[in-house]
mmCIF file of all heavy atoms, coordinates in Angstrom:
data_MODEL
# 
_entry.id   MODEL 
# 
loop_
_atom_site.group_PDB 
_atom_site.id 
_atom_site.type_symbol 
_atom_site.label_atom_id 
_atom_site.label_alt_id 
_atom_site.label_comp_id 
_atom_site.label_asym_id 
_atom_site.label_entity_id 
_atom_site.label_seq_id 
_atom_site.pdbx_PDB_ins_code 
_atom_site.Cartn_x 
_atom_site.Cartn_y 
_atom_site.Cartn_z 
_atom_site.occupancy 
_atom_site.B_iso_or_equiv 
_atom_site.pdbx_formal_charge 
_atom_site.auth_seq_id 
_atom_site.auth_comp_id 
_atom_site.auth_asym_id 
_atom_site.auth_atom_id 
_atom_site.pdbx_PDB_model_num 
ATOM 1   N N   . SER A 1 1  ? -44.062 -30.439 -29.583 1.00 0.00 ? 1  SER A N   1 
ATOM 2   C CA  . SER A 1 1  ? -44.086 -29.559 -28.405 1.00 0.00 ? 1  SER A CA  1 
ATOM 3   C C   . SER A 1 1  ? -42.727 -29.406 -27.745 1.00 0.00 ? 1  SER A C   1 
ATOM 4   O O   . SER A 1 1  ? -42.599 -28.673 -26.771 1.00 0.00 ? 1  SER A O   1 
ATOM 5   C CB  . SER A 1 1  ? -45.092 -30.104 -27.388 1.00 0.00 ? 1  SER A CB  1 
ATOM 6   O OG  . SER A 1 1  ? -44.686 -31.387 -26.927 1.00 0.00 ? 1  SER A OG  1 
ATOM 7   N N   . VAL A 1 2  ? -41.706 -30.144 -28.192 1.00 0.00 ? 2  VAL A N   1 
ATOM 8   C CA  . VAL A 1 2  ? -40.365 -30.056 -27.599 1.00 0.00 ? 2  VAL A CA  1 
ATOM 9   C C   . VAL A 1 2  ? -39.702 -28.762 -28.049 1.00 0.00 ? 2  VAL A C   1 
ATOM 10  O O   . VAL A 1 2  ? -39.642 -28.469 -29.252 1.00 0.00 ? 2  VAL A O   1 
ATOM 11  C CB  . VAL A 1 2  ? -39.507 -31.268 -27.999 1.00 0.00 ? 2  VAL A CB  1 
ATOM 12  C CG1 . VAL A 1 2  ? -38.093 -31.113 -27.452 1.00 0.00 ? 2  VAL A CG1 1 
ATOM 13  C CG2 . VAL A 1 2  ? -40.145 -32.558 -27.485 1.00 0.00 ? 2  VAL A CG2 1 
ATOM 14  N N   . VAL A 1 3  ? -39.224 -27.993 -27.084 1.00 0.00 ? 3  VAL A N   1 
ATOM 15  C CA  . VAL A 1 3  ? -38.553 -26.731 -27.388 1.00 0.00 ? 3  VAL A CA  1 
ATOM 16  C C   . VAL A 1 3  ? -37.074 -27.009 -27.626 1.00 0.00 ? 3  VAL A C   1 
ATOM 17  O O   . VAL A 1 3  ? -36.363 -27.462 -26.721 1.00 0.00 ? 3  VAL A O   1 
ATOM 18  C CB  . VAL A 1 3  ? -38.733 -25.715 -26.244 1.00 0.00 ? 3  VAL A CB  1 
ATOM 19  C CG1 . VAL A 1 3  ? -38.007 -24.426 -26.573 1.00 0.00 ? 3  VAL A CG1 1 
ATOM 20  C CG2 . VAL A 1 3  ? -40.209 -25.464 -25.992 1.00 0.00 ? 3  VAL A CG2 1 
ATOM 21  N N   . ARG A 1 4  ? -36.637 -26.785 -28.815 1.00 0.00 ? 4  ARG A N   1 
ATOM 22  C CA  . ARG A 1 4  ? -35.244 -27.032 -29.155 1.00 0.00 ? 4  ARG A CA  1 
ATOM 23  C C   . ARG A 1 4  ? -34.411 -25.777 -28.885 1.00 0.00 ? 4  ARG A C   1 
ATOM 24  O O   . ARG A 1 4  ? -34.847 -24.672 -29.223 1.00 0.00 ? 4  ARG A O   1 
ATOM 25  C CB  . ARG A 1 4  ? -35.095 -27.429 -30.625 1.00 0.00 ? 4  ARG A CB  1 
ATOM 26  C CG  . ARG A 1 4  ? -35.865 -28.694 -30.978 1.00 0.00 ? 4  ARG A CG  1 
ATOM 27  C CD  . ARG A 1 4  ? -35.679 -29.061 -32.432 1.00 0.00 ? 4  ARG A CD  1 
ATOM 28  N NE  . ARG A 1 4  ? -36.438 -30.242 -32.780 1.00 0.00 ? 4  ARG A NE  1 
ATOM 29  C CZ  . ARG A 1 4  ? -35.988 -31.480 -32.607 1.00 0.00 ? 4  ARG A CZ  1 
ATOM 30  N NH1 . ARG A 1 4  ? -34.768 -31.673 -32.090 1.00 0.00 ? 4  ARG A NH1 1 
ATOM 31  N NH2 . ARG A 1 4  ? -36.735 -32.521 -32.949 1.00 0.00 ? 4  ARG A NH2 1 
ATOM 32  N N   . PRO A 1 5  ? -33.214 -25.948 -28.299 1.00 0.00 ? 5  PRO A N   1 
ATOM 33  C CA  . PRO A 1 5  ? -32.373 -24.761 -28.069 1.00 0.00 ? 5  PRO A CA  1 
ATOM 34  C C   . PRO A 1 5  ? -31.876 -24.178 -29.381 1.00 0.00 ? 5  PRO A C   1 
ATOM 35  O O   . PRO A 1 5  ? -31.641 -24.896 -30.353 1.00 0.00 ? 5  PRO A O   1 
ATOM 36  C CB  . PRO A 1 5  ? -31.215 -25.324 -27.239 1.00 0.00 ? 5  PRO A CB  1 
ATOM 37  C CG  . PRO A 1 5  ? -31.169 -26.778 -27.580 1.00 0.00 ? 5  PRO A CG  1 
ATOM 38  C CD  . PRO A 1 5  ? -32.590 -27.191 -27.832 1.00 0.00 ? 5  PRO A CD  1 
ATOM 39  N N   . LYS A 1 6  ? -31.726 -22.899 -29.379 1.00 0.00 ? 6  LYS A N   1 
ATOM 40  C CA  . LYS A 1 6  ? -31.237 -22.222 -30.574 1.00 0.00 ? 6  LYS A CA  1 
ATOM 41  C C   . LYS A 1 6  ? -29.750 -22.482 -30.766 1.00 0.00 ? 6  LYS A C   1 
ATOM 42  O O   . LYS A 1 6  ? -28.989 -22.611 -29.809 1.00 0.00 ? 6  LYS A O   1 
ATOM 43  C CB  . LYS A 1 6  ? -31.482 -20.726 -30.480 1.00 0.00 ? 6  LYS A CB  1 
ATOM 44  C CG  . LYS A 1 6  ? -32.965 -20.350 -30.470 1.00 0.00 ? 6  LYS A CG  1 
ATOM 45  C CD  . LYS A 1 6  ? -33.128 -18.843 -30.424 1.00 0.00 ? 6  LYS A CD  1 
ATOM 46  C CE  . LYS A 1 6  ? -34.605 -18.461 -30.451 1.00 0.00 ? 6  LYS A CE  1 
ATOM 47  N NZ  . LYS A 1 6  ? -34.783 -16.974 -30.414 1.00 0.00 ? 6  LYS A NZ  1 
ATOM 48  N N   . ALA A 1 7  ? -29.376 -22.586 -31.989 1.00 0.00 ? 7  ALA A N   1 
ATOM 49  C CA  . ALA A 1 7  ? -27.952 -22.772 -32.302 1.00 0.00 ? 7  ALA A CA  1 
ATOM 50  C C   . ALA A 1 7  ? -27.173 -21.520 -31.892 1.00 0.00 ? 7  ALA A C   1 
ATOM 51  O O   . ALA A 1 7  ? -27.678 -20.401 -32.014 1.00 0.00 ? 7  ALA A O   1 
ATOM 52  C CB  . ALA A 1 7  ? -27.774 -23.040 -33.799 1.00 0.00 ? 7  ALA A CB  1 
ATOM 53  N N   . PRO A 1 8  ? -25.975 -21.717 -31.340 1.00 0.00 ? 8  PRO A N   1 
ATOM 54  C CA  . PRO A 1 8  ? -25.185 -20.549 -30.934 1.00 0.00 ? 8  PRO A CA  1 
ATOM 55  C C   . PRO A 1 8  ? -24.862 -19.658 -32.123 1.00 0.00 ? 8  PRO A C   1 
ATOM 56  O O   . PRO A 1 8  ? -24.549 -20.131 -33.216 1.00 0.00 ? 8  PRO A O   1 
ATOM 57  C CB  . PRO A 1 8  ? -23.914 -21.176 -30.338 1.00 0.00 ? 8  PRO A CB  1 
ATOM 58  C CG  . PRO A 1 8  ? -23.838 -22.546 -30.940 1.00 0.00 ? 8  PRO A CG  1 
ATOM 59  C CD  . PRO A 1 8  ? -25.260 -22.980 -31.149 1.00 0.00 ? 8  PRO A CD  1 
ATOM 60  N N   . GLY A 1 9  ? -24.989 -18.389 -31.906 1.00 0.00 ? 9  GLY A N   1 
ATOM 61  C CA  . GLY A 1 9  ? -24.707 -17.440 -32.971 1.00 0.00 ? 9  GLY A CA  1 
ATOM 62  C C   . GLY A 1 9  ? -23.230 -17.355 -33.299 1.00 0.00 ? 9  GLY A C   1 
ATOM 63  O O   . GLY A 1 9  ? -22.368 -17.606 -32.452 1.00 0.00 ? 9  GLY A O   1 
ATOM 64  N N   . LYS A 1 10 ? -22.937 -17.032 -34.529 1.00 0.00 ? 10 LYS A N   1 
ATOM 65  C CA  . LYS A 1 10 ? -21.553 -16.935 -34.985 1.00 0.00 ? 10 LYS A CA  1 
ATOM 66  C C   . LYS A 1 10 ? -21.055 -15.493 -35.043 1.00 0.00 ? 10 LYS A C   1 
ATOM 67  O O   . LYS A 1 10 ? -19.939 -15.252 -35.489 1.00 0.00 ? 10 LYS A O   1 
ATOM 68  C CB  . LYS A 1 10 ? -21.416 -17.577 -36.366 1.00 0.00 ? 10 LYS A CB  1 
ATOM 69  C CG  . LYS A 1 10 ? -21.740 -19.068 -36.374 1.00 0.00 ? 10 LYS A CG  1 
ATOM 70  C CD  . LYS A 1 10 ? -21.528 -19.662 -37.754 1.00 0.00 ? 10 LYS A CD  1 
ATOM 71  C CE  . LYS A 1 10 ? -21.819 -21.163 -37.738 1.00 0.00 ? 10 LYS A CE  1 
ATOM 72  N NZ  . LYS A 1 10 ? -21.601 -21.776 -39.078 1.00 0.00 ? 10 LYS A NZ  1 
ATOM 73  N N   . ILE A 1 11 ? -21.884 -14.563 -34.589 1.00 0.00 ? 11 ILE A N   1 
ATOM 74  C CA  . ILE A 1 11 ? -21.479 -13.156 -34.648 1.00 0.00 ? 11 ILE A CA  1 
ATOM 75  C C   . ILE A 1 11 ? -20.250 -12.919 -33.762 1.00 0.00 ? 11 ILE A C   1 
ATOM 76  O O   . ILE A 1 11 ? -19.332 -12.177 -34.135 1.00 0.00 ? 11 ILE A O   1 
ATOM 77  C CB  . ILE A 1 11 ? -22.652 -12.251 -34.221 1.00 0.00 ? 11 ILE A CB  1 
ATOM 78  C CG1 . ILE A 1 11 ? -23.831 -12.437 -35.186 1.00 0.00 ? 11 ILE A CG1 1 
ATOM 79  C CG2 . ILE A 1 11 ? -22.214 -10.799 -34.169 1.00 0.00 ? 11 ILE A CG2 1 
ATOM 80  C CD1 . ILE A 1 11 ? -25.048 -11.619 -34.832 1.00 0.00 ? 11 ILE A CD1 1 
ATOM 81  N N   . LYS A 1 12 ? -20.242 -13.571 -32.590 1.00 0.00 ? 12 LYS A N   1 
ATOM 82  C CA  . LYS A 1 12 ? -19.115 -13.386 -31.676 1.00 0.00 ? 12 LYS A CA  1 
ATOM 83  C C   . LYS A 1 12 ? -17.811 -13.854 -32.313 1.00 0.00 ? 12 LYS A C   1 
ATOM 84  O O   . LYS A 1 12 ? -16.775 -13.195 -32.187 1.00 0.00 ? 12 LYS A O   1 
ATOM 85  C CB  . LYS A 1 12 ? -19.377 -14.137 -30.375 1.00 0.00 ? 12 LYS A CB  1 
ATOM 86  C CG  . LYS A 1 12 ? -18.275 -14.016 -29.346 1.00 0.00 ? 12 LYS A CG  1 
ATOM 87  C CD  . LYS A 1 12 ? -18.612 -14.790 -28.084 1.00 0.00 ? 12 LYS A CD  1 
ATOM 88  C CE  . LYS A 1 12 ? -17.484 -14.688 -27.068 1.00 0.00 ? 12 LYS A CE  1 
ATOM 89  N NZ  . LYS A 1 12 ? -17.801 -15.458 -25.838 1.00 0.00 ? 12 LYS A NZ  1 
ATOM 90  N N   . HIS A 1 13 ? -17.854 -14.993 -32.990 1.00 0.00 ? 13 HIS A N   1 
ATOM 91  C CA  . HIS A 1 13 ? -16.643 -15.520 -33.628 1.00 0.00 ? 13 HIS A CA  1 
ATOM 92  C C   . HIS A 1 13 ? -16.189 -14.606 -34.772 1.00 0.00 ? 13 HIS A C   1 
ATOM 93  O O   . HIS A 1 13 ? -14.983 -14.340 -34.923 1.00 0.00 ? 13 HIS A O   1 
ATOM 94  C CB  . HIS A 1 13 ? -16.902 -16.929 -34.146 1.00 0.00 ? 13 HIS A CB  1 
ATOM 95  C CG  . HIS A 1 13 ? -17.322 -17.901 -33.091 1.00 0.00 ? 13 HIS A CG  1 
ATOM 96  N ND1 . HIS A 1 13 ? -16.467 -18.376 -32.126 1.00 0.00 ? 13 HIS A ND1 1 
ATOM 97  C CD2 . HIS A 1 13 ? -18.531 -18.475 -32.831 1.00 0.00 ? 13 HIS A CD2 1 
ATOM 98  C CE1 . HIS A 1 13 ? -17.107 -19.213 -31.331 1.00 0.00 ? 13 HIS A CE1 1 
ATOM 99  N NE2 . HIS A 1 13 ? -18.367 -19.284 -31.732 1.00 0.00 ? 13 HIS A NE2 1 
ATOM 100 N N   . TYR A 1 14 ? -17.128 -14.144 -35.563 1.00 0.00 ? 14 TYR A N   1 
ATOM 101 C CA  . TYR A 1 14 ? -16.773 -13.243 -36.656 1.00 0.00 ? 14 TYR A CA  1 
ATOM 102 C C   . TYR A 1 14 ? -16.202 -11.928 -36.121 1.00 0.00 ? 14 TYR A C   1 
ATOM 103 O O   . TYR A 1 14 ? -15.238 -11.378 -36.681 1.00 0.00 ? 14 TYR A O   1 
ATOM 104 C CB  . TYR A 1 14 ? -18.010 -12.956 -37.515 1.00 0.00 ? 14 TYR A CB  1 
ATOM 105 C CG  . TYR A 1 14 ? -18.499 -14.150 -38.287 1.00 0.00 ? 14 TYR A CG  1 
ATOM 106 C CD1 . TYR A 1 14 ? -19.862 -14.316 -38.552 1.00 0.00 ? 14 TYR A CD1 1 
ATOM 107 C CD2 . TYR A 1 14 ? -17.613 -15.120 -38.755 1.00 0.00 ? 14 TYR A CD2 1 
ATOM 108 C CE1 . TYR A 1 14 ? -20.315 -15.426 -39.260 1.00 0.00 ? 14 TYR A CE1 1 
ATOM 109 C CE2 . TYR A 1 14 ? -18.060 -16.220 -39.451 1.00 0.00 ? 14 TYR A CE2 1 
ATOM 110 C CZ  . TYR A 1 14 ? -19.411 -16.369 -39.707 1.00 0.00 ? 14 TYR A CZ  1 
ATOM 111 O OH  . TYR A 1 14 ? -19.849 -17.467 -40.412 1.00 0.00 ? 14 TYR A OH  1 
ATOM 112 N N   . LEU A 1 15 ? -16.784 -11.432 -35.024 1.00 0.00 ? 15 LEU A N   1 
ATOM 113 C CA  . LEU A 1 15 ? -16.295 -10.185 -34.440 1.00 0.00 ? 15 LEU A CA  1 
ATOM 114 C C   . LEU A 1 15 ? -14.881 -10.358 -33.891 1.00 0.00 ? 15 LEU A C   1 
ATOM 115 O O   . LEU A 1 15 ? -14.017 -9.488  -34.079 1.00 0.00 ? 15 LEU A O   1 
ATOM 116 C CB  . LEU A 1 15 ? -17.242 -9.727  -33.337 1.00 0.00 ? 15 LEU A CB  1 
ATOM 117 C CG  . LEU A 1 15 ? -16.896 -8.403  -32.647 1.00 0.00 ? 15 LEU A CG  1 
ATOM 118 C CD1 . LEU A 1 15 ? -16.873 -7.264  -33.652 1.00 0.00 ? 15 LEU A CD1 1 
ATOM 119 C CD2 . LEU A 1 15 ? -17.880 -8.107  -31.519 1.00 0.00 ? 15 LEU A CD2 1 
ATOM 120 N N   . THR A 1 16 ? -14.634 -11.491 -33.228 1.00 0.00 ? 16 THR A N   1 
ATOM 121 C CA  . THR A 1 16 ? -13.288 -11.763 -32.705 1.00 0.00 ? 16 THR A CA  1 
ATOM 122 C C   . THR A 1 16 ? -12.267 -11.854 -33.826 1.00 0.00 ? 16 THR A C   1 
ATOM 123 O O   . THR A 1 16 ? -11.165 -11.294 -33.736 1.00 0.00 ? 16 THR A O   1 
ATOM 124 C CB  . THR A 1 16 ? -13.297 -13.067 -31.895 1.00 0.00 ? 16 THR A CB  1 
ATOM 125 O OG1 . THR A 1 16 ? -14.253 -12.966 -30.839 1.00 0.00 ? 16 THR A OG1 1 
ATOM 126 C CG2 . THR A 1 16 ? -11.921 -13.339 -31.302 1.00 0.00 ? 16 THR A CG2 1 
ATOM 127 N N   . LEU A 1 17 ? -12.623 -12.567 -34.895 1.00 0.00 ? 17 LEU A N   1 
ATOM 128 C CA  . LEU A 1 17 ? -11.716 -12.692 -36.036 1.00 0.00 ? 17 LEU A CA  1 
ATOM 129 C C   . LEU A 1 17 ? -11.445 -11.336 -36.671 1.00 0.00 ? 17 LEU A C   1 
ATOM 130 O O   . LEU A 1 17 ? -10.304 -11.025 -37.048 1.00 0.00 ? 17 LEU A O   1 
ATOM 131 C CB  . LEU A 1 17 ? -12.314 -13.649 -37.064 1.00 0.00 ? 17 LEU A CB  1 
ATOM 132 C CG  . LEU A 1 17 ? -11.494 -13.881 -38.333 1.00 0.00 ? 17 LEU A CG  1 
ATOM 133 C CD1 . LEU A 1 17 ? -10.135 -14.469 -37.998 1.00 0.00 ? 17 LEU A CD1 1 
ATOM 134 C CD2 . LEU A 1 17 ? -12.255 -14.776 -39.306 1.00 0.00 ? 17 LEU A CD2 1 
ATOM 135 N N   . THR A 1 18 ? -12.473 -10.505 -36.754 1.00 0.00 ? 18 THR A N   1 
ATOM 136 C CA  . THR A 1 18 ? -12.301 -9.172  -37.335 1.00 0.00 ? 18 THR A CA  1 
ATOM 137 C C   . THR A 1 18 ? -11.356 -8.329  -36.490 1.00 0.00 ? 18 THR A C   1 
ATOM 138 O O   . THR A 1 18 ? -10.473 -7.633  -37.016 1.00 0.00 ? 18 THR A O   1 
ATOM 139 C CB  . THR A 1 18 ? -13.662 -8.473  -37.457 1.00 0.00 ? 18 THR A CB  1 
ATOM 140 O OG1 . THR A 1 18 ? -14.535 -9.278  -38.256 1.00 0.00 ? 18 THR A OG1 1 
ATOM 141 C CG2 . THR A 1 18 ? -13.507 -7.106  -38.095 1.00 0.00 ? 18 THR A CG2 1 
ATOM 142 N N   . ILE A 1 19 ? -11.514 -8.389  -35.162 1.00 0.00 ? 19 ILE A N   1 
ATOM 143 C CA  . ILE A 1 19 ? -10.636 -7.617  -34.274 1.00 0.00 ? 19 ILE A CA  1 
ATOM 144 C C   . ILE A 1 19 ? -9.194  -8.083  -34.399 1.00 0.00 ? 19 ILE A C   1 
ATOM 145 O O   . ILE A 1 19 ? -8.252  -7.270  -34.457 1.00 0.00 ? 19 ILE A O   1 
ATOM 146 C CB  . ILE A 1 19 ? -11.129 -7.731  -32.818 1.00 0.00 ? 19 ILE A CB  1 
ATOM 147 C CG1 . ILE A 1 19 ? -12.495 -7.037  -32.667 1.00 0.00 ? 19 ILE A CG1 1 
ATOM 148 C CG2 . ILE A 1 19 ? -10.120 -7.120  -31.856 1.00 0.00 ? 19 ILE A CG2 1 
ATOM 149 C CD1 . ILE A 1 19 ? -13.105 -7.212  -31.295 1.00 0.00 ? 19 ILE A CD1 1 
ATOM 150 N N   . ILE A 1 20 ? -8.983  -9.408  -34.460 1.00 0.00 ? 20 ILE A N   1 
ATOM 151 C CA  . ILE A 1 20 ? -7.618  -9.940  -34.590 1.00 0.00 ? 20 ILE A CA  1 
ATOM 152 C C   . ILE A 1 20 ? -6.984  -9.485  -35.898 1.00 0.00 ? 20 ILE A C   1 
ATOM 153 O O   . ILE A 1 20 ? -5.815  -9.064  -35.940 1.00 0.00 ? 20 ILE A O   1 
ATOM 154 C CB  . ILE A 1 20 ? -7.641  -11.479 -34.490 1.00 0.00 ? 20 ILE A CB  1 
ATOM 155 C CG1 . ILE A 1 20 ? -8.056  -11.907 -33.077 1.00 0.00 ? 20 ILE A CG1 1 
ATOM 156 C CG2 . ILE A 1 20 ? -6.268  -12.059 -34.844 1.00 0.00 ? 20 ILE A CG2 1 
ATOM 157 C CD1 . ILE A 1 20 ? -8.212  -13.411 -32.926 1.00 0.00 ? 20 ILE A CD1 1 
ATOM 158 N N   . LEU A 1 21 ? -7.746  -9.553  -36.996 1.00 0.00 ? 21 LEU A N   1 
ATOM 159 C CA  . LEU A 1 21 ? -7.217  -9.122  -38.292 1.00 0.00 ? 21 LEU A CA  1 
ATOM 160 C C   . LEU A 1 21 ? -6.902  -7.632  -38.298 1.00 0.00 ? 21 LEU A C   1 
ATOM 161 O O   . LEU A 1 21 ? -5.883  -7.201  -38.863 1.00 0.00 ? 21 LEU A O   1 
ATOM 162 C CB  . LEU A 1 21 ? -8.214  -9.459  -39.396 1.00 0.00 ? 21 LEU A CB  1 
ATOM 163 C CG  . LEU A 1 21 ? -8.426  -10.952 -39.677 1.00 0.00 ? 21 LEU A CG  1 
ATOM 164 C CD1 . LEU A 1 21 ? -9.505  -11.145 -40.734 1.00 0.00 ? 21 LEU A CD1 1 
ATOM 165 C CD2 . LEU A 1 21 ? -7.121  -11.599 -40.119 1.00 0.00 ? 21 LEU A CD2 1 
ATOM 166 N N   . LEU A 1 22 ? -7.741  -6.840  -37.644 1.00 0.00 ? 22 LEU A N   1 
ATOM 167 C CA  . LEU A 1 22 ? -7.475  -5.408  -37.560 1.00 0.00 ? 22 LEU A CA  1 
ATOM 168 C C   . LEU A 1 22 ? -6.219  -5.118  -36.742 1.00 0.00 ? 22 LEU A C   1 
ATOM 169 O O   . LEU A 1 22 ? -5.422  -4.235  -37.095 1.00 0.00 ? 22 LEU A O   1 
ATOM 170 C CB  . LEU A 1 22 ? -8.681  -4.683  -36.952 1.00 0.00 ? 22 LEU A CB  1 
ATOM 171 C CG  . LEU A 1 22 ? -9.917  -4.557  -37.855 1.00 0.00 ? 22 LEU A CG  1 
ATOM 172 C CD1 . LEU A 1 22 ? -11.077 -3.937  -37.083 1.00 0.00 ? 22 LEU A CD1 1 
ATOM 173 C CD2 . LEU A 1 22 ? -9.596  -3.733  -39.098 1.00 0.00 ? 22 LEU A CD2 1 
ATOM 174 N N   . LEU A 1 23 ? -6.032  -5.870  -35.662 1.00 0.00 ? 23 LEU A N   1 
ATOM 175 C CA  . LEU A 1 23 ? -4.820  -5.688  -34.852 1.00 0.00 ? 23 LEU A CA  1 
ATOM 176 C C   . LEU A 1 23 ? -3.572  -6.061  -35.644 1.00 0.00 ? 23 LEU A C   1 
ATOM 177 O O   . LEU A 1 23 ? -2.549  -5.365  -35.577 1.00 0.00 ? 23 LEU A O   1 
ATOM 178 C CB  . LEU A 1 23 ? -4.914  -6.532  -33.577 1.00 0.00 ? 23 LEU A CB  1 
ATOM 179 C CG  . LEU A 1 23 ? -5.913  -6.047  -32.514 1.00 0.00 ? 23 LEU A CG  1 
ATOM 180 C CD1 . LEU A 1 23 ? -6.005  -7.067  -31.367 1.00 0.00 ? 23 LEU A CD1 1 
ATOM 181 C CD2 . LEU A 1 23 ? -5.502  -4.689  -31.964 1.00 0.00 ? 23 LEU A CD2 1 
ATOM 182 N N   . ILE A 1 24 ? -3.637  -7.152  -36.389 1.00 0.00 ? 24 ILE A N   1 
ATOM 183 C CA  . ILE A 1 24 ? -2.489  -7.559  -37.208 1.00 0.00 ? 24 ILE A CA  1 
ATOM 184 C C   . ILE A 1 24 ? -2.206  -6.519  -38.286 1.00 0.00 ? 24 ILE A C   1 
ATOM 185 O O   . ILE A 1 24 ? -1.046  -6.142  -38.520 1.00 0.00 ? 24 ILE A O   1 
ATOM 186 C CB  . ILE A 1 24 ? -2.759  -8.944  -37.836 1.00 0.00 ? 24 ILE A CB  1 
ATOM 187 C CG1 . ILE A 1 24 ? -2.845  -10.015 -36.742 1.00 0.00 ? 24 ILE A CG1 1 
ATOM 188 C CG2 . ILE A 1 24 ? -1.664  -9.296  -38.843 1.00 0.00 ? 24 ILE A CG2 1 
ATOM 189 C CD1 . ILE A 1 24 ? -3.225  -11.381 -37.263 1.00 0.00 ? 24 ILE A CD1 1 
ATOM 190 N N   . TRP A 1 25 ? -3.267  -6.045  -38.936 1.00 0.00 ? 25 TRP A N   1 
ATOM 191 C CA  . TRP A 1 25 ? -3.080  -5.031  -39.992 1.00 0.00 ? 25 TRP A CA  1 
ATOM 192 C C   . TRP A 1 25 ? -2.523  -3.743  -39.401 1.00 0.00 ? 25 TRP A C   1 
ATOM 193 O O   . TRP A 1 25 ? -1.601  -3.133  -39.974 1.00 0.00 ? 25 TRP A O   1 
ATOM 194 C CB  . TRP A 1 25 ? -4.411  -4.760  -40.679 1.00 0.00 ? 25 TRP A CB  1 
ATOM 195 C CG  . TRP A 1 25 ? -4.320  -3.646  -41.689 1.00 0.00 ? 25 TRP A CG  1 
ATOM 196 C CD1 . TRP A 1 25 ? -3.863  -3.724  -42.968 1.00 0.00 ? 25 TRP A CD1 1 
ATOM 197 C CD2 . TRP A 1 25 ? -4.678  -2.273  -41.476 1.00 0.00 ? 25 TRP A CD2 1 
ATOM 198 N NE1 . TRP A 1 25 ? -3.902  -2.496  -43.573 1.00 0.00 ? 25 TRP A NE1 1 
ATOM 199 C CE2 . TRP A 1 25 ? -4.409  -1.579  -42.687 1.00 0.00 ? 25 TRP A CE2 1 
ATOM 200 C CE3 . TRP A 1 25 ? -5.202  -1.573  -40.393 1.00 0.00 ? 25 TRP A CE3 1 
ATOM 201 C CZ2 . TRP A 1 25 ? -4.651  -0.213  -42.809 1.00 0.00 ? 25 TRP A CZ2 1 
ATOM 202 C CZ3 . TRP A 1 25 ? -5.442  -0.217  -40.528 1.00 0.00 ? 25 TRP A CZ3 1 
ATOM 203 C CH2 . TRP A 1 25 ? -5.177  0.455   -41.734 1.00 0.00 ? 25 TRP A CH2 1 
# 
């Protein structure tokens, strides 16, 4: 019955990395 918190999503990190790579390119 214990509600476990969901693991933080990695979409934000992937999106940030994508933006940085696009800026560098």
